[in-house]
Amino acid sequence: MRQWYLSLAVLLSIISFSAAAPASDPNGQLWNSDSRITPEPIRGPLGASILGPQNIPVELQNADALASPTTDNGQVPNMKWSFALSHTRLANGGWARQQNVDSMPVATGLAGVNMRLEPGAIRELHWHSTAEWAYMLKGDVRISTVTPDGQVYVGDVTAGDIWYFPSGYPHSLQAKNTTESGAEFLLVFDSGTFSEDSTFLLTDWLSHVPKEVLALNFGLGISAFDHIPAQPLYIFPSSPPPEDVESDLVVPNDTPNPFTFALSNMAGTKKPGGSIKIIDSRAFAVAQEISAVEVTVEVGGMRELHWHPTEPEWTFFISGQARVTIFAASSKARTYNFFAGDVGYVPPSFGHYVENTGSTPLKFLEIFKSNVAQDISLTQWLALTPPDLVKAHLGFSDETIASLSRVKQEVV
């Protein structure tokens, strides 16, 4: 897989504008969330002021929705959602909030959950019919699972690390007490219809099985099951797990591959405008349904124009501010503004870029419903296409074609 992250200056040096184009870009982002203005749907001679009520904080965060660039066109489904708008399920020991097709109907391939656990709190033993890929945002968590072959795995993850459970594998999550605030993480599932409210919970199941059957199944007296909760526990407080994983094992780990990956210890691959960490089945063998790229884009840089051939991209923004234009073919395009805690979605083959529009580094996750992360770079495509074909399509000068050739030498 080849991923190229070019600074905006480098990209503009590659692709020139026609002589008719104005010296300054009339389609830049007009303001950001820190601007001390009253935003208006006005771009140059187009639009007019708002006379009615305004939600100014929301409009400051969505400059390109209120004053869209003239390059936007046609009807494009909404491809942005903020976890700040999700209903938060509160529990004794933490909370959870989700994004699925109910909130963003276009996102049919993947769904996400943002979850928080206080120190020692447990996300109860459960399983679900989808694969689960997770990224630690803060704190430390101990995970456990049992495979259909009866193999076990117990391990720890810290901020920047990931875990993965195939569909149907029972598992648990418990926050350690290494920080006073506990842990927070992102969960991603390989179905847009996934709902955190519909998982298979241990207590929920047992409370709906006759006690006589439970006694026969486990070879115990009926009274042993007198205290099964009448309602699911879901998230609940408990004593933190022992610091040492070995002290928490019933039997030694015996799975062929680990279900955790220390992405935080992985060195990023430097690119002209930032760095990347690719994590898919080639490095993390158990992750056969979901792969990802952790992307950092420096101030003034951008994740170059590209597309993903066959799989959708579910994007989670960890820090910074971003501008993304999605090209949906048939002259349809839409520009979005993203902030930390926002989710984006790009269907397969839709062209897009991610520009850092803030004053700090931009960090986000590209997550794919695939065991291998793949993309196609527009710059690379043009650099490797016969020059006369490129000139015939775009009217490039010989000097621009020569610049593309130099880029080809840099990126291939």
Protein backbone atom coordinates (compact mmCIF):
# COMPACT_ATOMS: atom_id res chain seq x y z
CA MET A 1 0.00 0.00 0.00
CA ARG A 2 1.31 3.46 -0.86
CA GLN A 3 0.01 6.40 1.17
CA TRP A 4 1.26 9.90 0.27
CA TYR A 5 0.75 12.91 2.53
CA LEU A 6 1.80 16.11 0.76
CA SER A 7 1.92 19.64 2.13
CA LEU A 8 -0.50 22.03 0.50
CA ALA A 9 2.42 23.97 -0.95
CA VAL A 10 3.83 20.85 -2.60
CA LEU A 11 0.46 19.88 -4.06
CA LEU A 12 -0.10 23.36 -5.49
CA SER A 13 3.34 23.28 -7.05
CA ILE A 14 2.35 20.09 -8.86
CA ILE A 15 -1.03 21.08 -10.25
CA SER A 16 -1.24 24.53 -11.85
CA PHE A 17 -4.45 26.47 -12.47
CA SER A 18 -5.58 27.74 -15.81
CA ALA A 19 -4.71 31.29 -16.79
CA ALA A 20 -8.33 32.31 -16.18
CA ALA A 21 -8.17 31.36 -12.51
CA PRO A 22 -7.87 34.28 -10.05
CA ALA A 23 -4.64 34.82 -8.17
CA SER A 24 -6.28 34.03 -4.82
CA ASP A 25 -8.49 31.03 -4.12
CA PRO A 26 -12.13 32.20 -3.79
CA ASN A 27 -13.12 28.87 -2.24
CA GLY A 28 -10.99 28.77 0.86
CA GLN A 29 -12.48 28.17 4.29
CA LEU A 30 -13.87 31.57 5.35
CA TRP A 31 -13.67 31.14 9.14
CA ASN A 32 -13.08 28.57 11.88
CA SER A 33 -14.47 27.80 15.31
CA ASP A 34 -12.25 30.43 16.97
CA SER A 35 -13.26 33.29 14.68
CA ARG A 36 -14.87 36.23 16.50
CA ILE A 37 -17.51 36.90 13.89
CA THR A 38 -21.17 36.38 13.22
CA PRO A 39 -21.05 33.79 10.41
CA GLU A 40 -23.13 34.49 7.32
CA PRO A 41 -23.99 32.42 4.23
CA ILE A 42 -22.08 34.78 1.96
CA ARG A 43 -19.23 33.95 -0.40
CA GLY A 44 -18.17 36.79 -2.67
CA PRO A 45 -21.22 38.05 -4.58
CA LEU A 46 -23.28 35.01 -3.60
CA GLY A 47 -25.67 34.61 -0.66
CA ALA A 48 -27.09 37.05 1.86
CA SER A 49 -27.13 37.65 5.60
CA ILE A 50 -29.33 35.73 8.06
CA LEU A 51 -32.26 37.76 9.39
CA GLY A 52 -33.73 35.08 11.62
CA PRO A 53 -32.29 33.19 14.61
CA GLN A 54 -28.82 31.63 14.42
CA ASN A 55 -26.97 28.85 16.23
CA ILE A 56 -23.63 30.64 16.03
CA PRO A 57 -21.41 28.01 17.77
CA VAL A 58 -22.61 25.32 15.33
CA GLU A 59 -22.23 27.62 12.32
CA LEU A 60 -18.69 28.55 13.37
CA GLN A 61 -17.81 24.85 13.25
CA ASN A 62 -19.39 24.34 9.83
CA ALA A 63 -18.08 27.15 7.67
CA ASP A 64 -18.26 25.17 4.44
CA ALA A 65 -21.85 24.13 5.08
CA LEU A 66 -23.05 27.69 5.67
CA ALA A 67 -20.86 29.36 3.02
CA SER A 68 -20.11 26.46 0.70
CA PRO A 69 -17.33 26.70 -1.89
CA THR A 70 -18.56 27.11 -5.45
CA THR A 71 -16.94 23.78 -6.29
CA ASP A 72 -19.62 22.03 -4.19
CA ASN A 73 -22.49 20.85 -6.33
CA GLY A 74 -25.49 18.53 -6.41
CA GLN A 75 -27.08 16.36 -3.75
CA VAL A 76 -24.60 14.45 -1.59
CA PRO A 77 -25.74 12.48 1.49
CA ASN A 78 -24.60 13.83 4.83
CA MET A 79 -21.24 12.25 5.67
CA LYS A 80 -20.54 13.91 9.01
CA TRP A 81 -21.65 13.13 12.54
CA SER A 82 -20.42 14.36 15.90
CA PHE A 83 -20.46 12.18 18.98
CA ALA A 84 -21.47 15.39 20.78
CA LEU A 85 -24.89 14.94 19.14
CA SER A 86 -25.26 11.27 20.09
CA HIS A 87 -27.49 10.18 22.95
CA THR A 88 -25.24 9.18 25.88
CA ARG A 89 -26.18 6.04 27.80
CA LEU A 90 -25.23 6.65 31.44
CA ALA A 91 -24.31 3.79 33.76
CA ASN A 92 -22.91 3.30 37.25
CA GLY A 93 -19.24 3.37 36.34
CA GLY A 94 -19.20 4.97 32.92
CA TRP A 95 -21.11 5.83 29.76
CA ALA A 96 -21.40 5.04 26.06
CA ARG A 97 -22.58 6.88 22.96
CA GLN A 98 -22.81 5.58 19.42
CA GLN A 99 -23.02 6.44 15.74
CA ASN A 100 -24.76 4.13 13.28
CA VAL A 101 -27.16 4.37 10.33
CA ASP A 102 -29.80 5.91 12.59
CA SER A 103 -27.65 9.04 12.86
CA MET A 104 -25.81 8.90 9.51
CA PRO A 105 -27.78 6.73 7.02
CA VAL A 106 -25.05 6.72 4.37
CA ALA A 107 -22.64 4.89 6.73
CA THR A 108 -23.87 1.38 5.97
CA GLY A 109 -20.52 -0.39 6.24
CA LEU A 110 -19.24 0.59 9.70
CA ALA A 111 -20.51 2.00 13.00
CA GLY A 112 -18.80 3.35 16.10
CA VAL A 113 -19.15 3.62 19.87
CA ASN A 114 -17.32 6.00 22.22
CA MET A 115 -17.12 4.47 25.72
CA ARG A 116 -15.85 5.56 29.13
CA LEU A 117 -15.07 3.38 32.18
CA GLU A 118 -14.12 4.62 35.63
CA PRO A 119 -11.20 2.85 37.41
CA GLY A 120 -12.16 -0.78 38.00
CA ALA A 121 -15.43 -0.48 36.07
CA ILE A 122 -16.39 -3.42 33.86
CA ARG A 123 -18.13 -3.58 30.51
CA GLU A 124 -19.81 -6.86 31.33
CA LEU A 125 -19.06 -10.16 29.62
CA HIS A 126 -20.78 -10.12 26.24
CA TRP A 127 -20.50 -10.88 22.54
CA HIS A 128 -22.06 -9.61 19.32
CA SER A 129 -22.61 -10.65 15.74
CA THR A 130 -20.08 -8.17 14.35
CA ALA A 131 -16.32 -7.83 14.60
CA GLU A 132 -15.03 -5.26 17.11
CA TRP A 133 -11.96 -3.05 16.52
CA ALA A 134 -10.96 -0.67 19.30
CA TYR A 135 -8.56 2.25 19.81
CA MET A 136 -7.56 3.46 23.28
CA LEU A 137 -7.97 7.23 23.67
CA LYS A 138 -7.00 7.60 27.36
CA GLY A 139 -6.05 5.35 30.25
CA ASP A 140 -5.54 1.58 30.42
CA VAL A 141 -7.88 -1.38 29.93
CA ARG A 142 -7.59 -5.13 30.49
CA ILE A 143 -9.35 -7.22 27.87
CA SER A 144 -10.14 -10.94 27.80
CA THR A 145 -11.62 -13.37 25.30
CA VAL A 146 -12.14 -17.09 24.65
CA THR A 147 -12.04 -18.53 21.12
CA PRO A 148 -14.39 -21.21 19.72
CA ASP A 149 -11.47 -23.65 20.15
CA GLY A 150 -11.35 -22.96 23.88
CA GLN A 151 -8.17 -20.87 23.69
CA VAL A 152 -7.85 -17.86 25.97
CA TYR A 153 -6.26 -14.44 25.76
CA VAL A 154 -5.96 -11.78 28.46
CA GLY A 155 -4.00 -8.59 27.81
CA ASP A 156 -3.59 -4.90 28.56
CA VAL A 157 -3.86 -1.89 26.26
CA THR A 158 -2.87 1.73 26.87
CA ALA A 159 -3.49 5.02 25.07
CA GLY A 160 -2.80 4.66 21.35
CA ASP A 161 -3.06 0.83 21.38
CA ILE A 162 -5.76 -1.32 19.77
CA TRP A 163 -7.61 -4.59 20.28
CA TYR A 164 -9.78 -6.74 18.05
CA PHE A 165 -12.42 -9.44 18.56
CA PRO A 166 -13.88 -11.46 15.67
CA SER A 167 -17.65 -11.70 15.51
CA GLY A 168 -19.18 -14.01 18.10
CA TYR A 169 -16.10 -14.13 20.37
CA PRO A 170 -17.11 -13.53 24.03
CA HIS A 171 -15.07 -10.84 25.73
CA SER A 172 -14.82 -8.37 28.59
CA LEU A 173 -13.31 -4.93 29.17
CA GLN A 174 -12.20 -3.53 32.53
CA ALA A 175 -10.52 -0.21 33.28
CA LYS A 176 -7.34 -0.41 35.30
CA ASN A 177 -6.57 2.04 38.10
CA THR A 178 -3.37 3.42 36.58
CA THR A 179 -5.06 6.81 36.23
CA GLU A 180 -7.58 8.47 38.54
CA SER A 181 -9.99 9.06 35.67
CA GLY A 182 -10.05 5.50 34.33
CA ALA A 183 -10.24 4.91 30.57
CA GLU A 184 -11.94 6.04 27.37
CA PHE A 185 -11.85 4.29 24.00
CA LEU A 186 -13.34 4.08 20.53
CA LEU A 187 -15.06 0.91 19.30
CA VAL A 188 -15.70 0.27 15.59
CA PHE A 189 -17.96 -2.47 14.20
CA ASP A 190 -18.17 -3.88 10.67
CA SER A 191 -21.87 -3.12 10.18
CA GLY A 192 -23.57 0.24 9.93
CA THR A 193 -26.67 -1.16 11.65
CA PHE A 194 -24.77 -2.20 14.77
CA SER A 195 -26.36 -1.01 18.02
CA GLU A 196 -24.61 -0.96 21.39
CA ASP A 197 -28.04 -1.55 22.92
CA SER A 198 -28.39 -4.94 21.23
CA THR A 199 -25.33 -6.89 22.35
CA PHE A 200 -25.55 -10.38 23.87
CA LEU A 201 -25.01 -9.82 27.61
CA LEU A 202 -24.21 -12.59 30.08
CA THR A 203 -26.61 -11.42 32.80
CA ASP A 204 -29.37 -10.70 30.28
CA TRP A 205 -29.18 -14.25 28.92
CA LEU A 206 -29.08 -16.04 32.25
CA SER A 207 -31.98 -14.03 33.62
CA HIS A 208 -34.08 -15.43 30.76
CA VAL A 209 -33.23 -19.11 31.30
CA PRO A 210 -35.20 -21.18 33.86
CA LYS A 211 -33.14 -21.80 36.99
CA GLU A 212 -33.73 -25.53 36.66
CA VAL A 213 -32.00 -25.44 33.27
CA LEU A 214 -29.11 -23.41 34.66
CA ALA A 215 -28.68 -25.86 37.54
CA LEU A 216 -28.64 -28.81 35.11
CA ASN A 217 -26.22 -27.04 32.74
CA PHE A 218 -23.64 -26.13 35.39
CA GLY A 219 -24.19 -29.10 37.72
CA LEU A 220 -25.04 -26.82 40.63
CA GLY A 221 -27.93 -26.41 43.02
CA ILE A 222 -30.80 -24.12 42.00
CA SER A 223 -30.02 -21.76 44.89
CA ALA A 224 -26.68 -20.88 43.26
CA PHE A 225 -28.61 -18.76 40.78
CA ASP A 226 -30.76 -16.84 43.26
CA HIS A 227 -28.77 -13.64 42.83
CA ILE A 228 -28.62 -13.29 39.04
CA PRO A 229 -29.48 -9.63 38.29
CA ALA A 230 -32.98 -9.12 36.98
CA GLN A 231 -31.66 -6.36 34.68
CA PRO A 232 -28.44 -6.38 32.60
CA LEU A 233 -25.38 -4.93 34.32
CA TYR A 234 -23.90 -3.47 31.08
CA ILE A 235 -21.35 -1.18 32.78
CA PHE A 236 -20.85 -1.54 36.53
CA PRO A 237 -18.24 -0.70 39.22
CA SER A 238 -15.82 -3.28 40.58
CA SER A 239 -12.39 -3.63 42.13
CA PRO A 240 -9.60 -2.94 39.61
CA PRO A 241 -7.85 -5.98 38.15
CA PRO A 242 -4.42 -6.94 39.50
CA GLU A 243 -1.61 -4.88 38.00
CA ASP A 244 0.15 -7.93 36.58
CA VAL A 245 -1.71 -9.75 33.78
CA GLU A 246 -0.22 -13.08 34.87
CA SER A 247 -2.01 -12.76 38.21
CA ASP A 248 -5.35 -12.49 36.40
CA LEU A 249 -5.03 -15.63 34.27
CA VAL A 250 -7.06 -18.77 34.87
CA VAL A 251 -4.81 -20.62 32.42
CA PRO A 252 -1.87 -19.27 30.37
CA ASN A 253 -2.67 -17.46 27.15
CA ASP A 254 -2.61 -20.00 24.31
CA THR A 255 -4.03 -18.25 21.24
CA PRO A 256 -1.85 -18.43 18.09
CA ASN A 257 -1.96 -14.63 17.77
CA PRO A 258 -2.56 -11.83 20.30
CA PHE A 259 -5.82 -9.89 20.30
CA THR A 260 -4.04 -6.64 21.24
CA PHE A 261 -1.51 -4.55 19.32
CA ALA A 262 0.82 -1.93 20.85
CA LEU A 263 0.27 0.70 18.17
CA SER A 264 1.52 3.35 20.62
CA ASN A 265 5.02 1.80 20.36
CA MET A 266 4.98 1.63 16.56
CA ALA A 267 7.15 4.21 14.79
CA GLY A 268 5.22 6.32 12.31
CA THR A 269 6.30 6.52 8.67
CA LYS A 270 7.29 10.10 7.87
CA LYS A 271 5.68 11.85 4.90
CA PRO A 272 6.20 15.42 3.57
CA GLY A 273 3.13 16.72 5.42
CA GLY A 274 3.00 14.43 8.45
CA SER A 275 3.22 10.73 9.34
CA ILE A 276 1.19 7.52 9.22
CA LYS A 277 0.87 4.21 11.03
CA ILE A 278 -0.74 1.42 8.99
CA ILE A 279 -2.29 -1.36 11.03
CA ASP A 280 -3.96 -4.22 9.17
CA SER A 281 -3.82 -8.01 9.03
CA ARG A 282 -0.24 -7.93 7.73
CA ALA A 283 0.89 -6.67 11.15
CA PHE A 284 -2.10 -7.63 13.32
CA ALA A 285 -3.08 -11.09 12.13
CA VAL A 286 -6.37 -11.50 14.03
CA ALA A 287 -7.89 -8.35 12.47
CA GLN A 288 -9.41 -9.97 9.39
CA GLU A 289 -12.47 -7.71 8.98
CA ILE A 290 -11.24 -4.23 9.93
CA SER A 291 -8.01 -2.33 9.21
CA ALA A 292 -6.89 1.22 9.91
CA VAL A 293 -4.37 4.00 9.41
CA GLU A 294 -3.47 6.45 12.16
CA VAL A 295 -2.72 9.75 10.43
CA THR A 296 -0.96 12.87 11.69
CA VAL A 297 -1.00 15.95 9.43
CA GLU A 298 1.18 18.91 10.32
CA VAL A 299 -0.04 22.52 10.31
CA GLY A 300 -0.47 23.67 6.70
CA GLY A 301 -0.40 20.09 5.40
CA MET A 302 -2.99 17.79 3.91
CA ARG A 303 -3.77 14.14 3.30
CA GLU A 304 -3.58 14.23 -0.47
CA LEU A 305 -6.36 13.68 -3.00
CA HIS A 306 -7.06 9.95 -3.15
CA TRP A 307 -9.76 7.26 -3.00
CA HIS A 308 -10.21 3.74 -1.63
CA PRO A 309 -11.03 1.25 -4.41
CA THR A 310 -13.49 -1.17 -2.82
CA GLU A 311 -14.14 -0.38 0.85
CA PRO A 312 -15.71 2.52 2.76
CA GLU A 313 -13.66 4.71 5.08
CA TRP A 314 -14.99 5.50 8.57
CA THR A 315 -12.98 8.42 9.91
CA PHE A 316 -12.59 9.49 13.55
CA PHE A 317 -10.94 12.80 14.39
CA ILE A 318 -8.83 12.68 17.55
CA SER A 319 -7.43 16.22 17.62
CA GLY A 320 -7.15 19.33 15.47
CA GLN A 321 -9.38 20.79 12.76
CA ALA A 322 -9.92 19.47 9.23
CA ARG A 323 -11.56 20.33 5.94
CA VAL A 324 -12.68 17.51 3.66
CA THR A 325 -14.27 17.67 0.21
CA ILE A 326 -15.89 14.43 -1.02
CA PHE A 327 -16.38 13.91 -4.76
CA ALA A 328 -19.33 11.62 -5.50
CA ALA A 329 -19.08 11.56 -9.34
CA SER A 330 -21.70 13.01 -11.74
CA SER A 331 -20.60 16.58 -10.84
CA LYS A 332 -21.56 16.05 -7.18
CA ALA A 333 -19.27 17.22 -4.37
CA ARG A 334 -19.66 18.43 -0.80
CA THR A 335 -17.23 20.05 1.66
CA TYR A 336 -17.28 19.35 5.42
CA ASN A 337 -15.47 20.72 8.47
CA PHE A 338 -14.38 18.34 11.23
CA PHE A 339 -13.24 18.71 14.82
CA ALA A 340 -12.10 16.36 17.59
CA GLY A 341 -14.82 13.83 18.38
CA ASP A 342 -16.38 14.01 14.91
CA VAL A 343 -16.97 11.06 12.59
CA GLY A 344 -16.76 11.14 8.80
CA TYR A 345 -17.72 8.52 6.24
CA VAL A 346 -16.54 8.10 2.64
CA PRO A 347 -18.14 5.41 0.43
CA PRO A 348 -15.88 3.23 -1.75
CA SER A 349 -14.17 5.03 -4.67
CA PHE A 350 -15.38 8.52 -3.64
CA GLY A 351 -12.47 10.95 -4.13
CA HIS A 352 -11.46 13.08 -1.15
CA TYR A 353 -8.68 14.87 0.73
CA VAL A 354 -8.17 15.89 4.37
CA GLU A 355 -6.65 19.34 4.96
CA ASN A 356 -5.35 20.57 8.31
CA THR A 357 -7.11 23.92 8.75
CA GLY A 358 -6.12 24.45 12.38
CA SER A 359 -3.09 25.83 14.22
CA THR A 360 -2.08 22.48 15.76
CA PRO A 361 -1.28 19.03 14.28
CA LEU A 362 -4.32 17.13 13.00
CA LYS A 363 -4.68 13.51 14.13
CA PHE A 364 -7.32 11.09 12.89
CA LEU A 365 -8.05 7.44 12.15
CA GLU A 366 -8.96 6.06 8.74
CA ILE A 367 -10.80 2.79 9.40
CA PHE A 368 -11.76 0.31 6.67
CA LYS A 369 -14.06 -2.68 6.39
CA SER A 370 -11.22 -4.78 5.04
CA ASN A 371 -8.28 -6.82 6.28
CA VAL A 372 -5.88 -4.64 4.25
CA ALA A 373 -5.79 -0.83 4.07
CA GLN A 374 -5.60 0.36 0.45
CA ASP A 375 -5.85 3.61 -1.45
CA ILE A 376 -5.05 5.14 -4.83
CA SER A 377 -3.18 8.45 -4.93
CA LEU A 378 -4.24 11.00 -7.55
CA THR A 379 -0.72 12.44 -7.64
CA GLN A 380 0.83 9.03 -8.17
CA TRP A 381 -1.72 8.11 -10.84
CA LEU A 382 -0.98 11.24 -12.86
CA ALA A 383 2.76 10.93 -12.34
CA LEU A 384 2.75 7.36 -13.67
CA THR A 385 0.40 7.99 -16.62
CA PRO A 386 1.91 8.78 -20.07
CA PRO A 387 2.55 12.57 -20.04
CA ASP A 388 0.72 13.29 -23.30
CA LEU A 389 -2.43 11.68 -21.90
CA VAL A 390 -2.28 13.93 -18.83
CA LYS A 391 -1.67 17.03 -20.97
CA ALA A 392 -4.59 16.12 -23.25
CA HIS A 393 -6.96 15.88 -20.26
CA LEU A 394 -5.88 18.79 -18.09
CA GLY A 395 -4.05 21.21 -20.39
CA PHE A 396 -0.90 21.09 -18.29
CA SER A 397 2.20 22.88 -19.52
CA ASP A 398 5.49 21.07 -20.13
CA GLU A 399 6.80 22.66 -16.92
CA THR A 400 3.94 21.17 -14.90
CA ILE A 401 4.47 17.76 -16.50
CA ALA A 402 8.14 18.02 -15.54
CA SER A 403 7.07 18.77 -11.95
CA LEU A 404 4.91 15.67 -11.98
CA SER A 405 7.91 13.64 -13.15
CA ARG A 406 9.94 14.94 -10.20
CA VAL A 407 7.13 13.96 -7.84
CA LYS A 408 7.08 10.52 -9.46
CA GLN A 409 10.73 10.12 -8.51
CA GLU A 410 9.91 11.14 -4.95
CA VAL A 411 6.89 8.93 -4.34
CA VAL A 412 7.59 5.73 -6.27
